[in-house]
Amino acid sequence: MAEFSRKVRESSLKRFRLVRPSDRAWRPAPGRLSFVDHLKHLVDCDRWILAVVKGEPEPHANIGPGEGNPEQWDEYLGQLVELGGSSRLSSKN
């Protein structure tokens, strides 16, 4: 399961890195999630699962259209990479 998770994360990171800055807020239709919304949601989900595993209070992990900030793209991407490292460390304990 851990190996599958790593491959999915790497695949997602590869695709997010291909999104041009001008396309980060693009959504397929009104009311749907944009690329940046999806990226933020994955970061929020990582924080949620790590909190659950550690027995900590669960942070908010739901997202709605427009909640991701395109100006924070690099920050979200860095957090997704960093949290992926955290989850690998946690799975070894």
Protein backbone atom coordinates (compact mmCIF):
# COMPACT_ATOMS: atom_id res chain seq x y z
CA MET A 1 0.00 0.00 0.00
CA ALA A 2 2.83 2.41 0.83
CA GLU A 3 4.47 1.80 -2.55
CA PHE A 4 1.17 2.40 -4.36
CA SER A 5 0.70 5.61 -2.39
CA ARG A 6 4.21 6.78 -3.33
CA LYS A 7 3.57 6.12 -7.02
CA VAL A 8 0.25 7.97 -6.95
CA ARG A 9 1.86 10.95 -5.20
CA GLU A 10 4.72 11.09 -7.68
CA SER A 11 2.26 10.88 -10.58
CA SER A 12 0.19 13.70 -9.11
CA LEU A 13 3.25 15.87 -8.50
CA LYS A 14 4.44 15.27 -12.06
CA ARG A 15 1.10 16.46 -13.44
CA PHE A 16 0.77 19.45 -11.12
CA ARG A 17 4.25 20.60 -12.16
CA LEU A 18 3.03 20.72 -15.78
CA VAL A 19 0.21 23.18 -15.05
CA ARG A 20 1.10 26.61 -16.38
CA PRO A 21 0.65 29.55 -14.01
CA SER A 22 -2.08 30.97 -16.25
CA ASP A 23 -4.04 27.68 -15.95
CA ARG A 24 -3.87 27.13 -12.18
CA ALA A 25 -7.34 28.61 -11.57
CA TRP A 26 -8.90 26.86 -14.61
CA ARG A 27 -11.96 24.75 -13.88
CA PRO A 28 -13.91 22.57 -16.32
CA ALA A 29 -17.22 24.30 -15.49
CA PRO A 30 -18.65 26.80 -13.03
CA GLY A 31 -18.99 25.28 -9.58
CA ARG A 32 -16.27 22.67 -10.22
CA LEU A 33 -12.84 22.49 -8.60
CA SER A 34 -9.88 24.16 -10.32
CA PHE A 35 -6.38 22.75 -10.54
CA VAL A 36 -5.35 24.82 -7.51
CA ASP A 37 -8.42 23.65 -5.58
CA HIS A 38 -7.43 20.03 -6.21
CA LEU A 39 -3.83 20.69 -5.15
CA LYS A 40 -4.93 22.39 -1.93
CA HIS A 41 -7.36 19.54 -1.26
CA LEU A 42 -4.56 16.96 -1.48
CA VAL A 43 -2.48 18.98 1.00
CA ASP A 44 -5.47 19.22 3.33
CA CYS A 45 -6.06 15.46 3.02
CA ASP A 46 -2.43 14.73 3.89
CA ARG A 47 -2.72 16.90 6.99
CA TRP A 48 -5.97 15.12 7.90
CA ILE A 49 -4.59 11.57 7.56
CA LEU A 50 -1.40 12.42 9.46
CA ALA A 51 -3.48 13.92 12.29
CA VAL A 52 -5.68 10.80 12.40
CA VAL A 53 -2.66 8.49 12.52
CA LYS A 54 -1.12 10.56 15.32
CA GLY A 55 -4.39 10.73 17.26
CA GLU A 56 -4.53 14.51 16.95
CA PRO A 57 -7.63 16.62 16.26
CA GLU A 58 -8.67 16.30 12.63
CA PRO A 59 -8.13 19.48 10.60
CA HIS A 60 -10.59 20.64 7.96
CA ALA A 61 -10.14 18.66 4.72
CA ASN A 62 -13.26 19.55 2.72
CA ILE A 63 -12.88 22.04 -0.12
CA GLY A 64 -15.20 23.99 -2.31
CA PRO A 65 -14.67 25.64 -5.68
CA GLY A 66 -12.47 28.71 -5.40
CA GLU A 67 -10.96 27.90 -2.00
CA GLY A 68 -7.49 27.29 -3.43
CA ASN A 69 -5.39 30.40 -4.04
CA PRO A 70 -3.42 30.35 -7.32
CA GLU A 71 -0.87 32.72 -5.76
CA GLN A 72 -0.07 30.01 -3.19
CA TRP A 73 0.56 27.30 -5.81
CA ASP A 74 4.27 26.92 -5.04
CA GLU A 75 3.53 26.81 -1.30
CA TYR A 76 0.89 24.09 -1.78
CA LEU A 77 3.20 22.10 -4.04
CA GLY A 78 6.03 22.31 -1.51
CA GLN A 79 3.69 21.21 1.27
CA LEU A 80 2.53 18.23 -0.79
CA VAL A 81 6.16 17.16 -1.26
CA GLU A 82 7.02 17.76 2.42
CA LEU A 83 3.93 16.00 3.76
CA GLY A 84 4.68 13.03 1.50
CA GLY A 85 8.02 12.72 3.23
CA SER A 86 6.28 12.92 6.60
CA SER A 87 3.86 10.15 5.70
CA ARG A 88 6.71 7.88 4.60
CA LEU A 89 8.50 8.50 7.89
CA SER A 90 5.31 7.80 9.85
CA SER A 91 4.76 4.49 8.07
CA LYS A 92 8.19 3.24 9.21
CA ASN A 93 7.42 3.78 12.90
